[in-house]
Amino acid sequence: MTKLHINQQTDILAVIDVQNDFLPGGLLGVENGDQIIPVINNLLSSKFHRAFATQDWHPQDHISFKCNHPNHSNNKIILPYGKQRLWPTHAVQNTNGAALAPSLHQQYFQLIIRKGMHKNIDSYSAFYENDKKTSTGLMGWLQNLGITRIFLTGLAEDVCVAYSAKDAIKAGLKTFIISDATKPVASECEQTLNNDFRRDLVSFGATYLNSHQLLY
Protein backbone atom coordinates (compact mmCIF):
# COMPACT_ATOMS: atom_id res chain seq x y z
CA MET A 1 0.00 0.00 0.00
CA THR A 2 1.48 3.32 -1.10
CA LYS A 3 2.05 5.81 1.72
CA LEU A 4 1.68 9.57 1.40
CA HIS A 5 3.36 12.12 3.63
CA ILE A 6 1.25 15.09 4.71
CA ASN A 7 2.76 18.55 4.31
CA GLN A 8 1.43 20.49 7.29
CA GLN A 9 1.80 23.85 5.55
CA THR A 10 0.32 23.15 2.11
CA ASP A 11 -2.15 20.30 2.79
CA ILE A 12 -5.61 20.71 4.30
CA LEU A 13 -8.37 18.38 5.51
CA ALA A 14 -11.91 19.19 4.35
CA VAL A 15 -14.81 17.84 6.42
CA ILE A 16 -17.95 18.12 4.30
CA ASP A 17 -21.42 18.40 5.91
CA VAL A 18 -21.02 16.05 8.87
CA GLN A 19 -24.31 17.30 10.31
CA ASN A 20 -27.04 15.65 12.36
CA ASP A 21 -29.54 15.54 9.49
CA PHE A 22 -27.09 13.53 7.36
CA LEU A 23 -26.38 10.95 10.05
CA PRO A 24 -28.50 7.82 10.67
CA GLY A 25 -31.84 8.91 12.11
CA GLY A 26 -31.56 12.37 10.56
CA LEU A 27 -34.00 13.84 8.05
CA LEU A 28 -31.68 12.87 5.18
CA GLY A 29 -29.55 10.29 6.92
CA VAL A 30 -26.73 8.52 5.09
CA GLU A 31 -26.48 4.80 5.80
CA ASN A 32 -23.62 4.20 8.27
CA GLY A 33 -22.69 7.89 8.02
CA ASP A 34 -21.78 7.96 11.72
CA GLN A 35 -19.02 5.40 11.15
CA ILE A 36 -16.77 7.96 9.49
CA ILE A 37 -16.64 10.32 12.50
CA PRO A 38 -13.93 8.42 14.47
CA VAL A 39 -11.79 8.29 11.32
CA ILE A 40 -12.20 12.04 10.76
CA ASN A 41 -11.46 12.79 14.42
CA ASN A 42 -8.24 10.78 14.21
CA LEU A 43 -7.20 12.69 11.09
CA LEU A 44 -7.96 16.01 12.81
CA SER A 45 -6.10 15.21 16.01
CA SER A 46 -3.08 13.32 14.72
CA LYS A 47 -2.49 13.94 11.02
CA PHE A 48 -3.45 17.46 9.83
CA HIS A 49 -2.55 20.89 11.18
CA ARG A 50 -4.98 22.62 8.81
CA ALA A 51 -8.67 21.76 8.51
CA PHE A 52 -12.04 23.28 7.70
CA ALA A 53 -15.66 22.13 7.66
CA THR A 54 -18.70 22.91 5.56
CA GLN A 55 -22.26 23.14 6.82
CA ASP A 56 -25.48 23.07 4.81
CA TRP A 57 -27.49 26.02 6.14
CA HIS A 58 -30.84 26.27 4.35
CA PRO A 59 -33.75 28.64 4.93
CA GLN A 60 -37.09 26.91 5.52
CA ASP A 61 -38.37 28.04 2.09
CA HIS A 62 -35.34 26.71 0.22
CA ILE A 63 -35.96 25.92 -3.43
CA SER A 64 -34.50 22.40 -3.17
CA PHE A 65 -37.05 21.21 -0.61
CA LYS A 66 -39.73 19.01 -2.12
CA CYS A 67 -42.30 20.32 0.36
CA ASN A 68 -41.99 23.76 -1.25
CA HIS A 69 -43.24 22.34 -4.58
CA PRO A 70 -46.51 20.63 -3.55
CA ASN A 71 -47.88 20.51 -7.11
CA HIS A 72 -44.73 19.07 -8.65
CA SER A 73 -44.81 15.31 -9.16
CA ASN A 74 -41.19 14.79 -10.28
CA ASN A 75 -38.06 14.79 -8.14
CA LYS A 76 -36.36 17.35 -10.37
CA ILE A 77 -37.16 20.90 -11.46
CA ILE A 78 -35.58 23.20 -13.99
CA LEU A 79 -34.04 26.40 -12.65
CA PRO A 80 -32.06 29.13 -14.44
CA TYR A 81 -28.84 27.30 -13.58
CA GLY A 82 -30.10 23.90 -14.78
CA LYS A 83 -31.70 20.78 -13.32
CA GLN A 84 -32.25 20.75 -9.58
CA ARG A 85 -32.99 17.61 -7.59
CA LEU A 86 -35.68 18.00 -4.95
CA TRP A 87 -34.77 16.74 -1.48
CA PRO A 88 -36.61 16.14 1.78
CA THR A 89 -36.37 19.13 4.11
CA HIS A 90 -32.95 19.10 5.79
CA ALA A 91 -30.30 21.25 7.48
CA VAL A 92 -32.66 24.14 8.17
CA GLN A 93 -30.89 27.11 9.70
CA ASN A 94 -30.70 27.17 13.51
CA THR A 95 -32.13 23.67 13.95
CA ASN A 96 -30.46 20.71 15.63
CA GLY A 97 -30.45 18.90 12.29
CA ALA A 98 -28.24 21.59 10.78
CA ALA A 99 -25.72 21.42 13.62
CA LEU A 100 -22.40 19.70 13.12
CA ALA A 101 -22.30 16.28 14.77
CA PRO A 102 -21.58 16.76 18.50
CA SER A 103 -19.02 13.93 18.48
CA LEU A 104 -17.01 15.68 15.76
CA HIS A 105 -13.84 17.34 17.11
CA GLN A 106 -14.78 20.82 15.96
CA GLN A 107 -12.02 22.58 17.90
CA TYR A 108 -9.61 21.68 15.10
CA PHE A 109 -11.47 23.61 12.40
CA GLN A 110 -9.91 26.89 11.34
CA LEU A 111 -12.98 27.79 9.27
CA ILE A 112 -16.58 26.66 8.89
CA ILE A 113 -18.13 27.45 5.50
CA ARG A 114 -21.92 27.70 5.45
CA LYS A 115 -23.52 27.01 2.09
CA GLY A 116 -27.00 26.80 0.60
CA MET A 117 -28.11 29.94 2.43
CA HIS A 118 -29.64 31.56 -0.69
CA LYS A 119 -33.23 30.36 -0.96
CA ASN A 120 -33.23 30.22 -4.79
CA ILE A 121 -29.89 28.42 -5.27
CA ASP A 122 -28.87 25.04 -3.92
CA SER A 123 -25.27 24.33 -2.99
CA TYR A 124 -23.42 21.02 -3.10
CA SER A 125 -19.81 22.12 -3.52
CA ALA A 126 -17.70 23.71 -0.80
CA PHE A 127 -16.48 26.18 -3.42
CA TYR A 128 -19.54 27.35 -5.38
CA GLU A 129 -23.29 27.35 -5.18
CA ASN A 130 -24.99 25.26 -7.88
CA ASP A 131 -25.17 28.21 -10.27
CA LYS A 132 -21.35 27.84 -10.52
CA LYS A 133 -21.06 31.62 -10.11
CA THR A 134 -21.80 32.35 -6.46
CA SER A 135 -18.60 31.68 -4.54
CA THR A 136 -18.47 30.56 -0.92
CA GLY A 137 -15.15 32.38 -0.54
CA LEU A 138 -13.31 29.14 0.23
CA MET A 139 -10.79 29.29 -2.63
CA GLY A 140 -9.56 32.75 -1.70
CA TRP A 141 -8.98 31.59 1.87
CA LEU A 142 -7.08 28.49 0.69
CA GLN A 143 -4.92 30.57 -1.63
CA ASN A 144 -4.03 32.94 1.21
CA LEU A 145 -2.90 29.93 3.24
CA GLY A 146 -0.80 28.59 0.35
CA ILE A 147 -2.75 25.32 0.14
CA THR A 148 -1.91 23.10 -2.84
CA ARG A 149 -3.48 19.76 -1.82
CA ILE A 150 -6.91 19.08 -0.35
CA PHE A 151 -8.07 15.86 1.34
CA LEU A 152 -11.84 15.41 1.32
CA THR A 153 -13.96 13.59 3.89
CA GLY A 154 -17.60 13.76 4.97
CA LEU A 155 -21.10 13.41 3.56
CA ALA A 156 -22.21 12.53 1.12
CA GLU A 157 -19.55 11.03 -1.10
CA ASP A 158 -21.68 10.99 -4.27
CA VAL A 159 -23.11 14.52 -3.81
CA CYS A 160 -21.36 17.25 -1.83
CA VAL A 161 -17.99 15.51 -1.55
CA ALA A 162 -18.00 14.73 -5.27
CA TYR A 163 -18.99 18.26 -6.31
CA SER A 164 -16.36 19.72 -3.98
CA ALA A 165 -13.71 17.42 -5.43
CA LYS A 166 -14.47 18.50 -8.99
CA ASP A 167 -14.37 22.19 -8.12
CA ALA A 168 -11.11 21.72 -6.23
CA ILE A 169 -9.58 20.04 -9.28
CA LYS A 170 -10.84 22.83 -11.55
CA ALA A 171 -9.20 25.34 -9.20
CA GLY A 172 -5.84 23.62 -9.60
CA LEU A 173 -5.68 21.79 -6.26
CA LYS A 174 -4.32 18.26 -6.08
CA THR A 175 -7.40 16.48 -4.76
CA PHE A 176 -7.71 13.35 -2.65
CA ILE A 177 -10.80 11.58 -1.29
CA ILE A 178 -10.26 9.55 1.89
CA SER A 179 -12.37 6.46 1.23
CA ASP A 180 -12.88 5.32 4.82
CA ALA A 181 -13.90 8.85 5.89
CA THR A 182 -16.86 9.29 3.53
CA LYS A 183 -20.13 7.52 2.71
CA PRO A 184 -22.49 7.89 -0.29
CA VAL A 185 -26.22 8.59 -0.31
CA ALA A 186 -26.57 5.56 -2.57
CA SER A 187 -26.86 2.39 -0.51
CA GLU A 188 -23.62 0.48 -0.13
CA CYS A 189 -25.32 -2.51 -1.77
CA GLU A 190 -25.67 -0.48 -4.99
CA GLN A 191 -22.08 -1.21 -5.95
CA THR A 192 -22.50 -0.60 -9.69
CA LEU A 193 -23.71 2.96 -9.14
CA ASN A 194 -21.04 3.61 -6.51
CA ASN A 195 -18.28 2.35 -8.78
CA ASP A 196 -19.55 4.48 -11.68
CA PHE A 197 -19.34 7.78 -9.81
CA ARG A 198 -15.98 6.85 -8.31
CA ARG A 199 -14.58 6.05 -11.74
CA ASP A 200 -15.91 9.41 -12.93
CA LEU A 201 -14.14 11.23 -10.11
CA VAL A 202 -10.87 9.41 -10.75
CA SER A 203 -11.04 10.15 -14.47
CA PHE A 204 -11.71 13.80 -13.60
CA GLY A 205 -8.48 13.89 -11.60
CA ALA A 206 -9.30 12.85 -8.01
CA THR A 207 -7.22 10.28 -6.14
CA TYR A 208 -8.80 7.83 -3.69
CA LEU A 209 -6.82 6.63 -0.70
CA ASN A 210 -7.37 5.21 2.78
CA SER A 211 -6.62 7.11 5.98
CA HIS A 212 -4.01 4.48 6.90
CA GLN A 213 -1.97 5.51 3.86
CA LEU A 214 -1.43 9.01 5.28
CA LEU A 215 1.75 9.65 7.25
CA TYR A 216 2.21 12.59 9.60
C-alpha atoms as a PDB file:
ATOM      1  CA  MET A   1       0.000   0.000   0.000  1.00  0.00           C
ATOM      2  CA  THR A   2       1.485   3.323  -1.099  1.00  0.00           C
ATOM      3  CA  LYS A   3       2.052   5.808   1.725  1.00  0.00           C
ATOM      4  CA  LEU A   4       1.680   9.571   1.400  1.00  0.00           C
ATOM      5  CA  HIS A   5       3.365  12.121   3.632  1.00  0.00           C
ATOM      6  CA  ILE A   6       1.250  15.092   4.711  1.00  0.00           C
ATOM      7  CA  ASN A   7       2.764  18.552   4.314  1.00  0.00           C
ATOM      8  CA  GLN A   8       1.434  20.487   7.289  1.00  0.00           C
ATOM      9  CA  GLN A   9       1.799  23.849   5.546  1.00  0.00           C
ATOM     10  CA  THR A  10       0.323  23.148   2.115  1.00  0.00           C
ATOM     11  CA  ASP A  11      -2.152  20.295   2.786  1.00  0.00           C
ATOM     12  CA  ILE A  12      -5.609  20.707   4.305  1.00  0.00           C
ATOM     13  CA  LEU A  13      -8.369  18.378   5.508  1.00  0.00           C
ATOM     14  CA  ALA A  14     -11.910  19.186   4.349  1.00  0.00           C
ATOM     15  CA  VAL A  15     -14.814  17.840   6.416  1.00  0.00           C
ATOM     16  CA  ILE A  16     -17.948  18.116   4.304  1.00  0.00           C
ATOM     17  CA  ASP A  17     -21.418  18.402   5.907  1.00  0.00           C
ATOM     18  CA  VAL A  18     -21.023  16.046   8.870  1.00  0.00           C
ATOM     19  CA  GLN A  19     -24.309  17.296  10.308  1.00  0.00           C
ATOM     20  CA  ASN A  20     -27.037  15.650  12.365  1.00  0.00           C
ATOM     21  CA  ASP A  21     -29.536  15.545   9.494  1.00  0.00           C
ATOM     22  CA  PHE A  22     -27.094  13.527   7.365  1.00  0.00           C
ATOM     23  CA  LEU A  23     -26.378  10.950  10.052  1.00  0.00           C
ATOM     24  CA  PRO A  24     -28.501   7.820  10.673  1.00  0.00           C
ATOM     25  CA  GLY A  25     -31.835   8.909  12.114  1.00  0.00           C
ATOM     26  CA  GLY A  26     -31.562  12.367  10.555  1.00  0.00           C
ATOM     27  CA  LEU A  27     -34.000  13.838   8.051  1.00  0.00           C
ATOM     28  CA  LEU A  28     -31.685  12.872   5.179  1.00  0.00           C
ATOM     29  CA  GLY A  29     -29.548  10.290   6.921  1.00  0.00           C
ATOM     30  CA  VAL A  30     -26.726   8.523   5.093  1.00  0.00           C
ATOM     31  CA  GLU A  31     -26.475   4.802   5.799  1.00  0.00           C
ATOM     32  CA  ASN A  32     -23.620   4.197   8.266  1.00  0.00           C
ATOM     33  CA  GLY A  33     -22.686   7.888   8.024  1.00  0.00           C
ATOM     34  CA  ASP A  34     -21.778   7.965  11.721  1.00  0.00           C
ATOM     35  CA  GLN A  35     -19.022   5.398  11.148  1.00  0.00           C
ATOM     36  CA  ILE A  36     -16.770   7.963   9.489  1.00  0.00           C
ATOM     37  CA  ILE A  37     -16.641  10.316  12.499  1.00  0.00           C
ATOM     38  CA  PRO A  38     -13.930   8.418  14.470  1.00  0.00           C
ATOM     39  CA  VAL A  39     -11.791   8.293  11.323  1.00  0.00           C
ATOM     40  CA  ILE A  40     -12.196  12.038  10.758  1.00  0.00           C
ATOM     41  CA  ASN A  41     -11.460  12.793  14.418  1.00  0.00           C
ATOM     42  CA  ASN A  42      -8.244  10.785  14.211  1.00  0.00           C
ATOM     43  CA  LEU A  43      -7.204  12.695  11.088  1.00  0.00           C
ATOM     44  CA  LEU A  44      -7.962  16.009  12.806  1.00  0.00           C
ATOM     45  CA  SER A  45      -6.095  15.213  16.013  1.00  0.00           C
ATOM     46  CA  SER A  46      -3.075  13.323  14.722  1.00  0.00           C
ATOM     47  CA  LYS A  47      -2.489  13.945  11.019  1.00  0.00           C
ATOM     48  CA  PHE A  48      -3.454  17.457   9.834  1.00  0.00           C
ATOM     49  CA  HIS A  49      -2.547  20.893  11.184  1.00  0.00           C
ATOM     50  CA  ARG A  50      -4.981  22.624   8.808  1.00  0.00           C
ATOM     51  CA  ALA A  51      -8.671  21.762   8.505  1.00  0.00           C
ATOM     52  CA  PHE A  52     -12.043  23.283   7.699  1.00  0.00           C
ATOM     53  CA  ALA A  53     -15.658  22.128   7.663  1.00  0.00           C
ATOM     54  CA  THR A  54     -18.704  22.912   5.564  1.00  0.00           C
ATOM     55  CA  GLN A  55     -22.260  23.141   6.817  1.00  0.00           C
ATOM     56  CA  ASP A  56     -25.483  23.074   4.811  1.00  0.00           C
ATOM     57  CA  TRP A  57     -27.488  26.024   6.141  1.00  0.00           C
ATOM     58  CA  HIS A  58     -30.838  26.271   4.351  1.00  0.00           C
ATOM     59  CA  PRO A  59     -33.754  28.636   4.932  1.00  0.00           C
ATOM     60  CA  GLN A  60     -37.085  26.915   5.518  1.00  0.00           C
ATOM     61  CA  ASP A  61     -38.369  28.043   2.092  1.00  0.00           C
ATOM     62  CA  HIS A  62     -35.341  26.710   0.218  1.00  0.00           C
ATOM     63  CA  ILE A  63     -35.964  25.921  -3.434  1.00  0.00           C
ATOM     64  CA  SER A  64     -34.501  22.398  -3.173  1.00  0.00           C
ATOM     65  CA  PHE A  65     -37.055  21.209  -0.615  1.00  0.00           C
ATOM     66  CA  LYS A  66     -39.729  19.013  -2.121  1.00  0.00           C
ATOM     67  CA  CYS A  67     -42.297  20.321   0.361  1.00  0.00           C
ATOM     68  CA  ASN A  68     -41.993  23.758  -1.249  1.00  0.00           C
ATOM     69  CA  HIS A  69     -43.240  22.338  -4.580  1.00  0.00           C
ATOM     70  CA  PRO A  70     -46.514  20.626  -3.554  1.00  0.00           C
ATOM     71  CA  ASN A  71     -47.877  20.515  -7.111  1.00  0.00           C
ATOM     72  CA  HIS A  72     -44.726  19.066  -8.651  1.00  0.00           C
ATOM     73  CA  SER A  73     -44.807  15.308  -9.163  1.00  0.00           C
ATOM     74  CA  ASN A  74     -41.194  14.787 -10.279  1.00  0.00           C
ATOM     75  CA  ASN A  75     -38.062  14.794  -8.138  1.00  0.00           C
ATOM     76  CA  LYS A  76     -36.357  17.354 -10.365  1.00  0.00           C
ATOM     77  CA  ILE A  77     -37.163  20.896 -11.455  1.00  0.00           C
ATOM     78  CA  ILE A  78     -35.582  23.200 -13.993  1.00  0.00           C
ATOM     79  CA  LEU A  79     -34.041  26.401 -12.651  1.00  0.00           C
ATOM     80  CA  PRO A  80     -32.062  29.134 -14.442  1.00  0.00           C
ATOM     81  CA  TYR A  81     -28.835  27.303 -13.577  1.00  0.00           C
ATOM     82  CA  GLY A  82     -30.102  23.899 -14.785  1.00  0.00           C
ATOM     83  CA  LYS A  83     -31.699  20.783 -13.321  1.00  0.00           C
ATOM     84  CA  GLN A  84     -32.250  20.747  -9.580  1.00  0.00           C
ATOM     85  CA  ARG A  85     -32.986  17.612  -7.589  1.00  0.00           C
ATOM     86  CA  LEU A  86     -35.683  17.996  -4.950  1.00  0.00           C
ATOM     87  CA  TRP A  87     -34.774  16.745  -1.482  1.00  0.00           C
ATOM     88  CA  PRO A  88     -36.615  16.139   1.777  1.00  0.00           C
ATOM     89  CA  THR A  89     -36.369  19.127   4.107  1.00  0.00           C
ATOM     90  CA  HIS A  90     -32.949  19.095   5.787  1.00  0.00           C
ATOM     91  CA  ALA A  91     -30.301  21.248   7.475  1.00  0.00           C
ATOM     92  CA  VAL A  92     -32.663  24.142   8.168  1.00  0.00           C
ATOM     93  CA  GLN A  93     -30.887  27.112   9.704  1.00  0.00           C
ATOM     94  CA  ASN A  94     -30.699  27.165  13.513  1.00  0.00           C
ATOM     95  CA  THR A  95     -32.126  23.668  13.947  1.00  0.00           C
ATOM     96  CA  ASN A  96     -30.465  20.713  15.631  1.00  0.00           C
ATOM     97  CA  GLY A  97     -30.447  18.904  12.290  1.00  0.00           C
ATOM     98  CA  ALA A  98     -28.237  21.590  10.779  1.00  0.00           C
ATOM     99  CA  ALA A  99     -25.718  21.422  13.621  1.00  0.00           C
ATOM    100  CA  LEU A 100     -22.399  19.701  13.120  1.00  0.00           C
ATOM    101  CA  ALA A 101     -22.296  16.280  14.767  1.00  0.00           C
ATOM    102  CA  PRO A 102     -21.578  16.759  18.499  1.00  0.00           C
ATOM    103  CA  SER A 103     -19.021  13.935  18.482  1.00  0.00           C
ATOM    104  CA  LEU A 104     -17.006  15.685  15.755  1.00  0.00           C
ATOM    105  CA  HIS A 105     -13.838  17.340  17.114  1.00  0.00           C
ATOM    106  CA  GLN A 106     -14.780  20.820  15.960  1.00  0.00           C
ATOM    107  CA  GLN A 107     -12.021  22.576  17.896  1.00  0.00           C
ATOM    108  CA  TYR A 108      -9.613  21.679  15.097  1.00  0.00           C
ATOM    109  CA  PHE A 109     -11.474  23.615  12.396  1.00  0.00           C
ATOM    110  CA  GLN A 110      -9.912  26.894  11.340  1.00  0.00           C
ATOM    111  CA  LEU A 111     -12.978  27.790   9.270  1.00  0.00           C
ATOM    112  CA  ILE A 112     -16.581  26.658   8.888  1.00  0.00           C
ATOM    113  CA  ILE A 113     -18.134  27.452   5.498  1.00  0.00           C
ATOM    114  CA  ARG A 114     -21.920  27.702   5.453  1.00  0.00           C
ATOM    115  CA  LYS A 115     -23.523  27.013   2.091  1.00  0.00           C
ATOM    116  CA  GLY A 116     -27.005  26.805   0.604  1.00  0.00           C
ATOM    117  CA  MET A 117     -28.110  29.942   2.432  1.00  0.00           C
ATOM    118  CA  HIS A 118     -29.645  31.562  -0.686  1.00  0.00           C
ATOM    119  CA  LYS A 119     -33.232  30.355  -0.964  1.00  0.00           C
ATOM    120  CA  ASN A 120     -33.226  30.220  -4.793  1.00  0.00           C
ATOM    121  CA  ILE A 121     -29.890  28.423  -5.268  1.00  0.00           C
ATOM    122  CA  ASP A 122     -28.868  25.042  -3.922  1.00  0.00           C
ATOM    123  CA  SER A 123     -25.270  24.330  -2.987  1.00  0.00           C
ATOM    124  CA  TYR A 124     -23.419  21.024  -3.105  1.00  0.00           C
ATOM    125  CA  SER A 125     -19.808  22.121  -3.522  1.00  0.00           C
ATOM    126  CA  ALA A 126     -17.704  23.710  -0.801  1.00  0.00           C
ATOM    127  CA  PHE A 127     -16.479  26.179  -3.420  1.00  0.00           C
ATOM    128  CA  TYR A 128     -19.536  27.351  -5.380  1.00  0.00           C
ATOM    129  CA  GLU A 129     -23.290  27.348  -5.182  1.00  0.00           C
ATOM    130  CA  ASN A 130     -24.991  25.261  -7.884  1.00  0.00           C
ATOM    131  CA  ASP A 131     -25.175  28.205 -10.275  1.00  0.00           C
ATOM    132  CA  LYS A 132     -21.352  27.839 -10.515  1.00  0.00           C
ATOM    133  CA  LYS A 133     -21.059  31.625 -10.109  1.00  0.00           C
ATOM    134  CA  THR A 134     -21.803  32.351  -6.460  1.00  0.00           C
ATOM    135  CA  SER A 135     -18.600  31.677  -4.542  1.00  0.00           C
ATOM    136  CA  THR A 136     -18.468  30.560  -0.920  1.00  0.00           C
ATOM    137  CA  GLY A 137     -15.151  32.375  -0.541  1.00  0.00           C
ATOM    138  CA  LEU A 138     -13.310  29.142   0.228  1.00  0.00           C
ATOM    139  CA  MET A 139     -10.791  29.286  -2.627  1.00  0.00           C
ATOM    140  CA  GLY A 140      -9.562  32.752  -1.697  1.00  0.00           C
ATOM    141  CA  TRP A 141      -8.977  31.588   1.870  1.00  0.00           C
ATOM    142  CA  LEU A 142      -7.077  28.487   0.691  1.00  0.00           C
ATOM    143  CA  GLN A 143      -4.921  30.572  -1.627  1.00  0.00           C
ATOM    144  CA  ASN A 144      -4.034  32.938   1.205  1.00  0.00           C
ATOM    145  CA  LEU A 145      -2.897  29.932   3.244  1.00  0.00           C
ATOM    146  CA  GLY A 146      -0.800  28.589   0.351  1.00  0.00           C
ATOM    147  CA  ILE A 147      -2.753  25.318   0.143  1.00  0.00           C
ATOM    148  CA  THR A 148      -1.908  23.099  -2.836  1.00  0.00           C
ATOM    149  CA  ARG A 149      -3.476  19.762  -1.825  1.00  0.00           C
ATOM    150  CA  ILE A 150      -6.912  19.077  -0.352  1.00  0.00           C
ATOM    151  CA  PHE A 151      -8.068  15.857   1.338  1.00  0.00           C
ATOM    152  CA  LEU A 152     -11.842  15.415   1.323  1.00  0.00           C
ATOM    153  CA  THR A 153     -13.961  13.595   3.892  1.00  0.00           C
ATOM    154  CA  GLY A 154     -17.604  13.757   4.966  1.00  0.00           C
ATOM    155  CA  LEU A 155     -21.098  13.408   3.562  1.00  0.00           C
ATOM    156  CA  ALA A 156     -22.212  12.532   1.124  1.00  0.00           C
ATOM    157  CA  GLU A 157     -19.547  11.034  -1.101  1.00  0.00           C
ATOM    158  CA  ASP A 158     -21.675  10.991  -4.265  1.00  0.00           C
ATOM    159  CA  VAL A 159     -23.110  14.520  -3.810  1.00  0.00           C
ATOM    160  CA  CYS A 160     -21.362  17.254  -1.827  1.00  0.00           C
ATOM    161  CA  VAL A 161     -17.994  15.508  -1.547  1.00  0.00           C
ATOM    162  CA  ALA A 162     -18.004  14.728  -5.274  1.00  0.00           C
ATOM    163  CA  TYR A 163     -18.987  18.263  -6.305  1.00  0.00           C
ATOM    164  CA  SER A 164     -16.363  19.723  -3.976  1.00  0.00           C
ATOM    165  CA  ALA A 165     -13.714  17.421  -5.433  1.00  0.00           C
ATOM    166  CA  LYS A 166     -14.470  18.499  -8.988  1.00  0.00           C
ATOM    167  CA  ASP A 167     -14.374  22.188  -8.117  1.00  0.00           C
ATOM    168  CA  ALA A 168     -11.107  21.716  -6.232  1.00  0.00           C
ATOM    169  CA  ILE A 169      -9.575  20.044  -9.283  1.00  0.00           C
ATOM    170  CA  LYS A 170     -10.837  22.834 -11.547  1.00  0.00           C
ATOM    171  CA  ALA A 171      -9.197  25.342  -9.196  1.00  0.00           C
ATOM    172  CA  GLY A 172      -5.843  23.620  -9.601  1.00  0.00           C
ATOM    173  CA  LEU A 173      -5.677  21.788  -6.260  1.00  0.00           C
ATOM    174  CA  LYS A 174      -4.322  18.259  -6.077  1.00  0.00           C
ATOM    175  CA  THR A 175      -7.401  16.478  -4.758  1.00  0.00           C
ATOM    176  CA  PHE A 176      -7.709  13.349  -2.646  1.00  0.00           C
ATOM    177  CA  ILE A 177     -10.803  11.579  -1.287  1.00  0.00           C
ATOM    178  CA  ILE A 178     -10.258   9.552   1.888  1.00  0.00           C
ATOM    179  CA  SER A 179     -12.371   6.463   1.231  1.00  0.00           C
ATOM    180  CA  ASP A 180     -12.881   5.322   4.824  1.00  0.00           C
ATOM    181  CA  ALA A 181     -13.902   8.848   5.887  1.00  0.00           C
ATOM    182  CA  THR A 182     -16.856   9.292   3.534  1.00  0.00           C
ATOM    183  CA  LYS A 183     -20.126   7.520   2.713  1.00  0.00           C
ATOM    184  CA  PRO A 184     -22.486   7.885  -0.286  1.00  0.00           C
ATOM    185  CA  VAL A 185     -26.217   8.588  -0.311  1.00  0.00           C
ATOM    186  CA  ALA A 186     -26.571   5.561  -2.569  1.00  0.00           C
ATOM    187  CA  SER A 187     -26.862   2.386  -0.510  1.00  0.00           C
ATOM    188  CA  GLU A 188     -23.623   0.478  -0.125  1.00  0.00           C
ATOM    189  CA  CYS A 189     -25.320  -2.506  -1.768  1.00  0.00           C
ATOM    190  CA  GLU A 190     -25.667  -0.485  -4.995  1.00  0.00           C
ATOM    191  CA  GLN A 191     -22.080  -1.210  -5.948  1.00  0.00           C
ATOM    192  CA  THR A 192     -22.497  -0.599  -9.691  1.00  0.00           C
ATOM    193  CA  LEU A 193     -23.714   2.959  -9.140  1.00  0.00           C
ATOM    194  CA  ASN A 194     -21.037   3.613  -6.514  1.00  0.00           C
ATOM    195  CA  ASN A 195     -18.277   2.351  -8.777  1.00  0.00           C
ATOM    196  CA  ASP A 196     -19.551   4.477 -11.679  1.00  0.00           C
ATOM    197  CA  PHE A 197     -19.341   7.782  -9.814  1.00  0.00           C
ATOM    198  CA  ARG A 198     -15.982   6.846  -8.306  1.00  0.00           C
ATOM    199  CA  ARG A 199     -14.581   6.049 -11.740  1.00  0.00           C
ATOM    200  CA  ASP A 200     -15.914   9.406 -12.928  1.00  0.00           C
ATOM    201  CA  LEU A 201     -14.141  11.232 -10.109  1.00  0.00           C
ATOM    202  CA  VAL A 202     -10.870   9.412 -10.751  1.00  0.00           C
ATOM    203  CA  SER A 203     -11.045  10.146 -14.470  1.00  0.00           C
ATOM    204  CA  PHE A 204     -11.707  13.795 -13.598  1.00  0.00           C
ATOM    205  CA  GLY A 205      -8.484  13.889 -11.595  1.00  0.00           C
ATOM    206  CA  ALA A 206      -9.300  12.855  -8.007  1.00  0.00           C
ATOM    207  CA  THR A 207      -7.225  10.275  -6.144  1.00  0.00           C
ATOM    208  CA  TYR A 208      -8.802   7.834  -3.692  1.00  0.00           C
ATOM    209  CA  LEU A 209      -6.821   6.628  -0.701  1.00  0.00           C
ATOM    210  CA  ASN A 210      -7.374   5.212   2.779  1.00  0.00           C
ATOM    211  CA  SER A 211      -6.618   7.115   5.981  1.00  0.00           C
ATOM    212  CA  HIS A 212      -4.006   4.481   6.902  1.00  0.00           C
ATOM    213  CA  GLN A 213      -1.966   5.508   3.865  1.00  0.00           C
ATOM    214  CA  LEU A 214      -1.427   9.013   5.284  1.00  0.00           C
ATOM    215  CA  LEU A 215       1.748   9.645   7.246  1.00  0.00           C
ATOM    216  CA  TYR A 216       2.207  12.587   9.600  1.00  0.00           C
END
